[in-house]
PDB file of N, CA and C in Angstrom:
ATOM      1  N   UNK A   1     -66.354 -10.807 231.513  1.00  0.00           N
ATOM      2  CA  UNK A   1     -66.761  -9.771 230.427  1.00  0.00           C
ATOM      3  C   UNK A   1     -66.238  -8.863 231.422  1.00  0.00           C
ATOM      4  N   UNK A   2     -65.865  -8.106 231.044  1.00  0.00           N
ATOM      5  CA  UNK A   2     -65.897  -6.953 231.928  1.00  0.00           C
ATOM      6  C   UNK A   2     -66.801  -5.690 230.743  1.00  0.00           C
ATOM      7  N   UNK A   3     -67.265  -4.966 231.520  1.00  0.00           N
ATOM      8  CA  UNK A   3     -68.093  -3.660 231.224  1.00  0.00           C
ATOM      9  C   UNK A   3     -67.292  -2.538 230.227  1.00  0.00           C
ATOM     10  N   UNK A   4     -68.224  -1.720 229.268  1.00  0.00           N
ATOM     11  CA  UNK A   4     -67.799  -1.082 228.405  1.00  0.00           C
ATOM     12  C   UNK A   4     -68.472  -0.438 228.673  1.00  0.00           C
ATOM     13  N   UNK A   5     -68.152   1.294 228.674  1.00  0.00           N
ATOM     14  CA  UNK A   5     -68.775   2.599 228.369  1.00  0.00           C
ATOM     15  C   UNK A   5     -68.962   3.013 226.860  1.00  0.00           C
ATOM     16  N   UNK A   6     -69.894   3.159 226.124  1.00  0.00           N
ATOM     17  CA  UNK A   6     -69.964   3.686 225.194  1.00  0.00           C
ATOM     18  C   UNK A   6     -70.393   5.098 224.524  1.00  0.00           C
ATOM     19  N   UNK A   7     -70.119   5.820 223.721  1.00  0.00           N
ATOM     20  CA  UNK A   7     -69.754   7.224 223.353  1.00  0.00           C
ATOM     21  C   UNK A   7     -71.200   7.733 223.887  1.00  0.00           C
ATOM     22  N   UNK A   8     -71.887   6.972 224.294  1.00  0.00           N
ATOM     23  CA  UNK A   8     -73.421   7.731 224.472  1.00  0.00           C
ATOM     24  C   UNK A   8     -73.437   8.539 225.990  1.00  0.00           C
ATOM     25  N   UNK A   9     -72.191   8.221 226.684  1.00  0.00           N
ATOM     26  CA  UNK A   9     -72.096   8.306 228.356  1.00  0.00           C
ATOM     27  C   UNK A   9     -72.453  10.399 228.111  1.00  0.00           C
ATOM     28  N   UNK A  10     -73.551  10.404 228.929  1.00  0.00           N
ATOM     29  CA  UNK A  10     -73.165  11.814 229.095  1.00  0.00           C
ATOM     30  C   UNK A  10     -72.339  12.664 230.423  1.00  0.00           C
ATOM     31  N   UNK A  11     -71.741  11.620 231.212  1.00  0.00           N
ATOM     32  CA  UNK A  11     -70.720  12.048 232.405  1.00  0.00           C
ATOM     33  C   UNK A  11     -71.406  12.689 233.298  1.00  0.00           C
ATOM     34  N   UNK A  12     -72.715  11.720 233.654  1.00  0.00           N
ATOM     35  CA  UNK A  12     -73.421  12.208 234.754  1.00  0.00           C
ATOM     36  C   UNK A  12     -72.869  11.602 236.036  1.00  0.00           C
ATOM     37  N   UNK A  13     -71.739  11.490 236.537  1.00  0.00           N
ATOM     38  CA  UNK A  13     -70.905  11.119 237.223  1.00  0.00           C
ATOM     39  C   UNK A  13     -71.688  10.251 238.273  1.00  0.00           C
ATOM     40  N   UNK A  14     -72.926   9.236 237.914  1.00  0.00           N
ATOM     41  CA  UNK A  14     -73.543   8.386 238.773  1.00  0.00           C
ATOM     42  C   UNK A  14     -72.687   6.965 238.918  1.00  0.00           C
ATOM     43  N   UNK A  15     -72.278   6.512 237.685  1.00  0.00           N
ATOM     44  CA  UNK A  15     -71.473   5.023 237.719  1.00  0.00           C
ATOM     45  C   UNK A  15     -70.452   5.067 238.530  1.00  0.00           C
ATOM     46  N   UNK A  16     -69.687   6.567 238.573  1.00  0.00           N
ATOM     47  CA  UNK A  16     -68.134   5.803 239.261  1.00  0.00           C
ATOM     48  C   UNK A  16     -68.161   5.564 240.817  1.00  0.00           C
ATOM     49  N   UNK A  17     -68.713   6.715 241.385  1.00  0.00           N
ATOM     50  CA  UNK A  17     -69.279   6.381 242.914  1.00  0.00           C
ATOM     51  C   UNK A  17     -69.661   4.554 243.159  1.00  0.00           C
ATOM     52  N   UNK A  18     -70.324   3.932 242.089  1.00  0.00           N
ATOM     53  CA  UNK A  18     -70.973   2.627 242.674  1.00  0.00           C
ATOM     54  C   UNK A  18     -70.356   1.684 242.359  1.00  0.00           C
ATOM     55  N   UNK A  19     -69.021   1.874 241.556  1.00  0.00           N
ATOM     56  CA  UNK A  19     -67.879   0.634 241.390  1.00  0.00           C
ATOM     57  C   UNK A  19     -67.671   0.095 242.842  1.00  0.00           C
ATOM     58  N   UNK A  20     -67.530  -1.018 243.078  1.00  0.00           N
ATOM     59  CA  UNK A  20     -66.838  -1.023 244.329  1.00  0.00           C
ATOM     60  C   UNK A  20     -65.471  -1.669 244.090  1.00  0.00           C
ATOM     61  N   UNK A  21     -65.066  -1.774 242.814  1.00  0.00           N
ATOM     62  CA  UNK A  21     -63.677  -2.352 242.462  1.00  0.00           C
ATOM     63  C   UNK A  21     -62.740  -0.811 241.950  1.00  0.00           C
ATOM     64  N   UNK A  22     -63.581  -0.033 241.881  1.00  0.00           N
ATOM     65  CA  UNK A  22     -62.839   1.452 242.080  1.00  0.00           C
ATOM     66  C   UNK A  22     -61.942   1.232 240.402  1.00  0.00           C
ATOM     67  N   UNK A  23     -63.060   0.958 239.176  1.00  0.00           N
ATOM     68  CA  UNK A  23     -62.889  -0.166 237.746  1.00  0.00           C
ATOM     69  C   UNK A  23     -62.964   1.753 237.357  1.00  0.00           C
ATOM     70  N   UNK A  24     -64.221   2.451 237.658  1.00  0.00           N
ATOM     71  CA  UNK A  24     -64.525   3.524 236.608  1.00  0.00           C
ATOM     72  C   UNK A  24     -63.669   4.671 237.248  1.00  0.00           C
ATOM     73  N   UNK A  25     -63.654   5.350 236.061  1.00  0.00           N
ATOM     74  CA  UNK A  25     -62.940   6.348 236.457  1.00  0.00           C
ATOM     75  C   UNK A  25     -62.950   7.348 234.846  1.00  0.00           C
ATOM     76  N   UNK A  26     -62.460   8.793 234.749  1.00  0.00           N
ATOM     77  CA  UNK A  26     -63.067   9.729 233.653  1.00  0.00           C
ATOM     78  C   UNK A  26     -61.746   9.485 232.697  1.00  0.00           C
ATOM     79  N   UNK A  27     -62.565   9.368 231.423  1.00  0.00           N
ATOM     80  CA  UNK A  27     -61.314   9.361 230.525  1.00  0.00           C
ATOM     81  C   UNK A  27     -60.850  10.963 229.814  1.00  0.00           C
ATOM     82  N   UNK A  28     -60.210  10.540 228.587  1.00  0.00           N
ATOM     83  CA  UNK A  28     -60.509  11.668 227.917  1.00  0.00           C
ATOM     84  C   UNK A  28     -61.640  12.711 227.995  1.00  0.00           C
ATOM     85  N   UNK A  29     -62.286  12.193 227.538  1.00  0.00           N
ATOM     86  CA  UNK A  29     -64.305  12.692 227.018  1.00  0.00           C
ATOM     87  C   UNK A  29     -64.876  12.089 227.906  1.00  0.00           C
ATOM     88  N   UNK A  30     -65.206  10.642 228.090  1.00  0.00           N
ATOM     89  CA  UNK A  30     -66.188  10.319 228.860  1.00  0.00           C
ATOM     90  C   UNK A  30     -65.558   9.043 230.194  1.00  0.00           C
ATOM     91  N   UNK A  31     -66.423   8.614 230.977  1.00  0.00           N
ATOM     92  CA  UNK A  31     -66.404   7.671 231.806  1.00  0.00           C
ATOM     93  C   UNK A  31     -65.223   6.140 231.147  1.00  0.00           C
ATOM     94  N   UNK A  32     -64.363   5.704 231.502  1.00  0.00           N
ATOM     95  CA  UNK A  32     -64.245   4.418 231.225  1.00  0.00           C
ATOM     96  C   UNK A  32     -64.019   3.627 232.074  1.00  0.00           C
ATOM     97  N   UNK A  33     -63.916   2.144 231.893  1.00  0.00           N
ATOM     98  CA  UNK A  33     -64.021   0.883 232.866  1.00  0.00           C
ATOM     99  C   UNK A  33     -62.448   0.277 232.569  1.00  0.00           C
ATOM    100  N   UNK A  34     -61.986   0.272 233.739  1.00  0.00           N
ATOM    101  CA  UNK A  34     -60.563  -0.736 233.370  1.00  0.00           C
ATOM    102  C   UNK A  34     -60.972  -1.881 233.553  1.00  0.00           C
ATOM    103  N   UNK A  35     -60.563  -2.754 232.450  1.00  0.00           N
ATOM    104  CA  UNK A  35     -61.119  -4.265 232.421  1.00  0.00           C
ATOM    105  C   UNK A  35     -59.935  -4.953 233.670  1.00  0.00           C
ATOM    106  N   UNK A  36     -59.160  -4.653 233.741  1.00  0.00           N
ATOM    107  CA  UNK A  36     -58.245  -5.406 234.802  1.00  0.00           C
ATOM    108  C   UNK A  36     -58.954  -5.277 236.270  1.00  0.00           C
ATOM    109  N   UNK A  37     -60.122  -4.583 236.411  1.00  0.00           N
ATOM    110  CA  UNK A  37     -60.492  -4.491 237.949  1.00  0.00           C
ATOM    111  C   UNK A  37     -62.196  -4.813 237.648  1.00  0.00           C
ATOM    112  N   UNK A  38     -62.538  -4.507 236.680  1.00  0.00           N
ATOM    113  CA  UNK A  38     -64.164  -4.848 236.287  1.00  0.00           C
ATOM    114  C   UNK A  38     -64.677  -6.259 236.625  1.00  0.00           C
ATOM    115  N   UNK A  39     -65.319  -6.725 237.684  1.00  0.00           N
ATOM    116  CA  UNK A  39     -65.624  -7.930 237.748  1.00  0.00           C
ATOM    117  C   UNK A  39     -67.628  -7.905 237.633  1.00  0.00           C
ATOM    118  N   UNK A  40     -67.863  -7.352 236.852  1.00  0.00           N
ATOM    119  CA  UNK A  40     -69.299  -6.976 236.821  1.00  0.00           C
ATOM    120  C   UNK A  40     -69.688  -6.936 238.139  1.00  0.00           C
ATOM    121  N   UNK A  41     -69.455  -6.432 238.796  1.00  0.00           N
ATOM    122  CA  UNK A  41     -69.845  -6.527 240.728  1.00  0.00           C
ATOM    123  C   UNK A  41     -70.066  -8.195 241.257  1.00  0.00           C
ATOM    124  N   UNK A  42     -69.245  -9.309 240.243  1.00  0.00           N
ATOM    125  CA  UNK A  42     -69.382 -10.295 240.887  1.00  0.00           C
ATOM    126  C   UNK A  42     -68.689 -10.217 242.103  1.00  0.00           C
ATOM    127  N   UNK A  43     -69.155 -11.113 243.162  1.00  0.00           N
ATOM    128  CA  UNK A  43     -68.407 -10.999 244.146  1.00  0.00           C
ATOM    129  C   UNK A  43     -69.046 -10.040 245.172  1.00  0.00           C
ATOM    130  N   UNK A  44     -69.491  -8.844 245.226  1.00  0.00           N
ATOM    131  CA  UNK A  44     -70.209  -7.762 245.603  1.00  0.00           C
ATOM    132  C   UNK A  44     -71.816  -7.553 245.410  1.00  0.00           C
ATOM    133  N   UNK A  45     -71.847  -7.613 244.347  1.00  0.00           N
ATOM    134  CA  UNK A  45     -73.623  -7.577 244.275  1.00  0.00           C
ATOM    135  C   UNK A  45     -74.279  -8.540 242.969  1.00  0.00           C
ATOM    136  N   UNK A  46     -75.679  -8.954 243.265  1.00  0.00           N
ATOM    137  CA  UNK A  46     -76.307  -9.665 241.890  1.00  0.00           C
ATOM    138  C   UNK A  46     -76.481  -8.958 240.894  1.00  0.00           C
ATOM    139  N   UNK A  47     -76.091  -7.987 240.751  1.00  0.00           N
ATOM    140  CA  UNK A  47     -76.232  -7.134 239.250  1.00  0.00           C
ATOM    141  C   UNK A  47     -75.154  -6.282 239.218  1.00  0.00           C
ATOM    142  N   UNK A  48     -74.874  -5.837 238.051  1.00  0.00           N
ATOM    143  CA  UNK A  48     -73.543  -4.756 237.902  1.00  0.00           C
ATOM    144  C   UNK A  48     -74.106  -3.339 238.022  1.00  0.00           C
ATOM    145  N   UNK A  49     -73.696  -2.646 239.139  1.00  0.00           N
ATOM    146  CA  UNK A  49     -74.169  -1.218 239.860  1.00  0.00           C
ATOM    147  C   UNK A  49     -74.361  -0.280 238.584  1.00  0.00           C
ATOM    148  N   UNK A  50     -73.126  -0.270 238.427  1.00  0.00           N
ATOM    149  CA  UNK A  50     -73.300   0.861 237.225  1.00  0.00           C
ATOM    150  C   UNK A  50     -74.177   1.112 236.180  1.00  0.00           C
ATOM    151  N   UNK A  51     -74.950  -0.422 235.904  1.00  0.00           N
ATOM    152  CA  UNK A  51     -75.376  -0.612 234.840  1.00  0.00           C
ATOM    153  C   UNK A  51     -76.986  -0.148 235.424  1.00  0.00           C
ATOM    154  N   UNK A  52     -77.122  -0.451 236.701  1.00  0.00           N
ATOM    155  CA  UNK A  52     -78.428  -0.185 237.187  1.00  0.00           C
ATOM    156  C   UNK A  52     -78.265   1.589 237.190  1.00  0.00           C
ATOM    157  N   UNK A  53     -77.327   2.077 237.647  1.00  0.00           N
ATOM    158  CA  UNK A  53     -77.843   3.418 238.044  1.00  0.00           C
ATOM    159  C   UNK A  53     -77.677   4.530 236.629  1.00  0.00           C
ATOM    160  N   UNK A  54     -77.360   3.851 235.557  1.00  0.00           N
ATOM    161  CA  UNK A  54     -76.816   4.484 234.433  1.00  0.00           C
ATOM    162  C   UNK A  54     -78.188   5.412 233.605  1.00  0.00           C
ATOM    163  N   UNK A  55     -78.430   6.358 233.750  1.00  0.00           N
ATOM    164  CA  UNK A  55     -79.518   6.955 233.136  1.00  0.00           C
ATOM    165  C   UNK A  55     -79.977   6.796 231.321  1.00  0.00           C
ATOM    166  N   UNK A  56     -78.859   6.531 230.962  1.00  0.00           N
ATOM    167  CA  UNK A  56     -78.903   6.419 229.380  1.00  0.00           C
ATOM    168  C   UNK A  56     -78.034   5.295 229.128  1.00  0.00           C
ATOM    169  N   UNK A  57     -78.592   4.050 229.750  1.00  0.00           N
ATOM    170  CA  UNK A  57     -77.841   2.602 229.225  1.00  0.00           C
ATOM    171  C   UNK A  57     -76.409   2.841 228.381  1.00  0.00           C
ATOM    172  N   UNK A  58     -75.636   2.982 228.711  1.00  0.00           N
ATOM    173  CA  UNK A  58     -74.516   2.977 227.589  1.00  0.00           C
ATOM    174  C   UNK A  58     -73.771   2.246 228.182  1.00  0.00           C
ATOM    175  N   UNK A  59     -73.973   1.497 229.089  1.00  0.00           N
ATOM    176  CA  UNK A  59     -72.653   0.504 229.788  1.00  0.00           C
ATOM    177  C   UNK A  59     -73.371  -0.839 229.000  1.00  0.00           C
ATOM    178  N   UNK A  60     -71.851  -1.312 228.097  1.00  0.00           N
ATOM    179  CA  UNK A  60     -72.449  -2.576 227.469  1.00  0.00           C
ATOM    180  C   UNK A  60     -71.568  -3.564 228.169  1.00  0.00           C
ATOM    181  N   UNK A  61     -71.392  -4.715 227.650  1.00  0.00           N
ATOM    182  CA  UNK A  61     -70.644  -6.328 228.180  1.00  0.00           C
ATOM    183  C   UNK A  61     -69.814  -5.940 226.750  1.00  0.00           C
ATOM    184  N   UNK A  62     -68.165  -5.372 226.992  1.00  0.00           N
ATOM    185  CA  UNK A  62     -67.201  -5.278 225.649  1.00  0.00           C
ATOM    186  C   UNK A  62     -67.365  -6.644 225.128  1.00  0.00           C
ATOM    187  N   UNK A  63     -67.639  -6.714 224.072  1.00  0.00           N
ATOM    188  CA  UNK A  63     -67.445  -7.695 223.168  1.00  0.00           C
ATOM    189  C   UNK A  63     -66.138  -8.489 222.852  1.00  0.00           C
ATOM    190  N   UNK A  64     -65.050  -7.468 223.245  1.00  0.00           N
ATOM    191  CA  UNK A  64     -63.600  -8.143 223.006  1.00  0.00           C
ATOM    192  C   UNK A  64     -63.269  -8.499 224.567  1.00  0.00           C
ATOM    193  N   UNK A  65     -63.827  -8.362 225.577  1.00  0.00           N
ATOM    194  CA  UNK A  65     -63.598  -9.464 226.748  1.00  0.00           C
ATOM    195  C   UNK A  65     -64.632 -10.725 227.067  1.00  0.00           C
ATOM    196  N   UNK A  66     -64.645 -11.450 226.625  1.00  0.00           N
ATOM    197  CA  UNK A  66     -65.652 -12.334 226.974  1.00  0.00           C
ATOM    198  C   UNK A  66     -65.244 -13.428 227.901  1.00  0.00           C
ATOM    199  N   UNK A  67     -65.805 -13.263 229.377  1.00  0.00           N
ATOM    200  CA  UNK A  67     -65.288 -13.926 230.522  1.00  0.00           C
ATOM    201  C   UNK A  67     -66.136 -14.531 231.174  1.00  0.00           C
ATOM    202  N   UNK A  68     -65.885 -15.709 231.923  1.00  0.00           N
ATOM    203  CA  UNK A  68     -67.157 -16.510 232.303  1.00  0.00           C
ATOM    204  C   UNK A  68     -67.314 -15.594 233.636  1.00  0.00           C
ATOM    205  N   UNK A  69     -68.495 -16.610 234.686  1.00  0.00           N
ATOM    206  CA  UNK A  69     -68.672 -15.529 235.713  1.00  0.00           C
ATOM    207  C   UNK A  69     -67.638 -16.295 236.648  1.00  0.00           C
ATOM    208  N   UNK A  70     -67.138 -17.857 236.708  1.00  0.00           N
ATOM    209  CA  UNK A  70     -65.842 -18.096 237.383  1.00  0.00           C
ATOM    210  C   UNK A  70     -64.491 -17.062 237.158  1.00  0.00           C
ATOM    211  N   UNK A  71     -64.466 -16.784 235.961  1.00  0.00           N
ATOM    212  CA  UNK A  71     -63.343 -15.925 235.898  1.00  0.00           C
ATOM    213  C   UNK A  71     -63.382 -14.482 237.011  1.00  0.00           C
ATOM    214  N   UNK A  72     -64.531 -13.821 236.283  1.00  0.00           N
ATOM    215  CA  UNK A  72     -65.119 -12.707 236.836  1.00  0.00           C
ATOM    216  C   UNK A  72     -64.691 -13.310 238.981  1.00  0.00           C
ATOM    217  N   UNK A  73     -65.204 -14.132 239.225  1.00  0.00           N
ATOM    218  CA  UNK A  73     -64.979 -14.300 240.709  1.00  0.00           C
ATOM    219  C   UNK A  73     -63.557 -14.409 241.154  1.00  0.00           C
ATOM    220  N   UNK A  74     -62.401 -15.096 240.064  1.00  0.00           N
ATOM    221  CA  UNK A  74     -61.270 -15.143 240.605  1.00  0.00           C
ATOM    222  C   UNK A  74     -60.895 -13.920 240.341  1.00  0.00           C
ATOM    223  N   UNK A  75     -61.151 -13.164 239.463  1.00  0.00           N
ATOM    224  CA  UNK A  75     -60.680 -11.936 239.654  1.00  0.00           C
ATOM    225  C   UNK A  75     -61.015 -10.629 240.864  1.00  0.00           C
ATOM    226  N   UNK A  76     -62.210 -11.103 241.044  1.00  0.00           N
ATOM    227  CA  UNK A  76     -62.891 -10.475 242.707  1.00  0.00           C
ATOM    228  C   UNK A  76     -61.740 -10.934 243.529  1.00  0.00           C
ATOM    229  N   UNK A  77     -61.525 -12.281 243.880  1.00  0.00           N
ATOM    230  CA  UNK A  77     -60.872 -12.696 245.101  1.00  0.00           C
ATOM    231  C   UNK A  77     -59.732 -11.914 244.899  1.00  0.00           C
ATOM    232  N   UNK A  78     -58.830 -11.918 243.697  1.00  0.00           N
ATOM    233  CA  UNK A  78     -57.718 -11.187 243.580  1.00  0.00           C
ATOM    234  C   UNK A  78     -57.720 -10.122 244.457  1.00  0.00           C
ATOM    235  N   UNK A  79     -58.353  -9.171 243.710  1.00  0.00           N
ATOM    236  CA  UNK A  79     -58.727  -7.779 244.187  1.00  0.00           C
ATOM    237  C   UNK A  79     -58.903  -7.766 245.681  1.00  0.00           C
ATOM    238  N   UNK A  80     -59.986  -8.673 246.378  1.00  0.00           N
ATOM    239  CA  UNK A  80     -59.865  -8.722 247.530  1.00  0.00           C
ATOM    240  C   UNK A  80     -59.162  -8.998 248.439  1.00  0.00           C
ATOM    241  N   UNK A  81     -58.551 -10.068 247.773  1.00  0.00           N
ATOM    242  CA  UNK A  81     -57.449 -10.352 248.740  1.00  0.00           C
ATOM    243  C   UNK A  81     -55.942  -9.704 248.619  1.00  0.00           C
ATOM    244  N   UNK A  82     -55.729  -9.303 247.539  1.00  0.00           N
ATOM    245  CA  UNK A  82     -54.593  -8.035 247.343  1.00  0.00           C
ATOM    246  C   UNK A  82     -53.168  -9.064 246.955  1.00  0.00           C
ATOM    247  N   UNK A  83     -53.741 -10.070 245.972  1.00  0.00           N
ATOM    248  CA  UNK A  83     -52.940 -10.720 245.417  1.00  0.00           C
ATOM    249  C   UNK A  83     -52.659 -10.848 243.944  1.00  0.00           C
TER     250      UNK A  83
END
C-alpha cells in the first residue's frame, strides 16, 4: 500500500525529509506522495517515518493502492538497485 496525504495537511515540512525514497514532494496545495516510490519505509525502517513525524496525523494508507509487504519490499529492491 502506498501512503496518501489527506487535505488536513498543514504543510509543516516535517515529512518530506524523512522519506528515504524521496516519494514526498510539495504538490499544488499540500504535500503529495508518489505511489511509484512509496514503500511505506519497508526495507529502510520498521515503521513509516512520515506517519511517525506527522503532527496532524494526515498520512493514511491509500485505499486505491492495496499492496502486500512483499510488493513493497520488491519496490524497495528495485529502487535501491536502480533497476
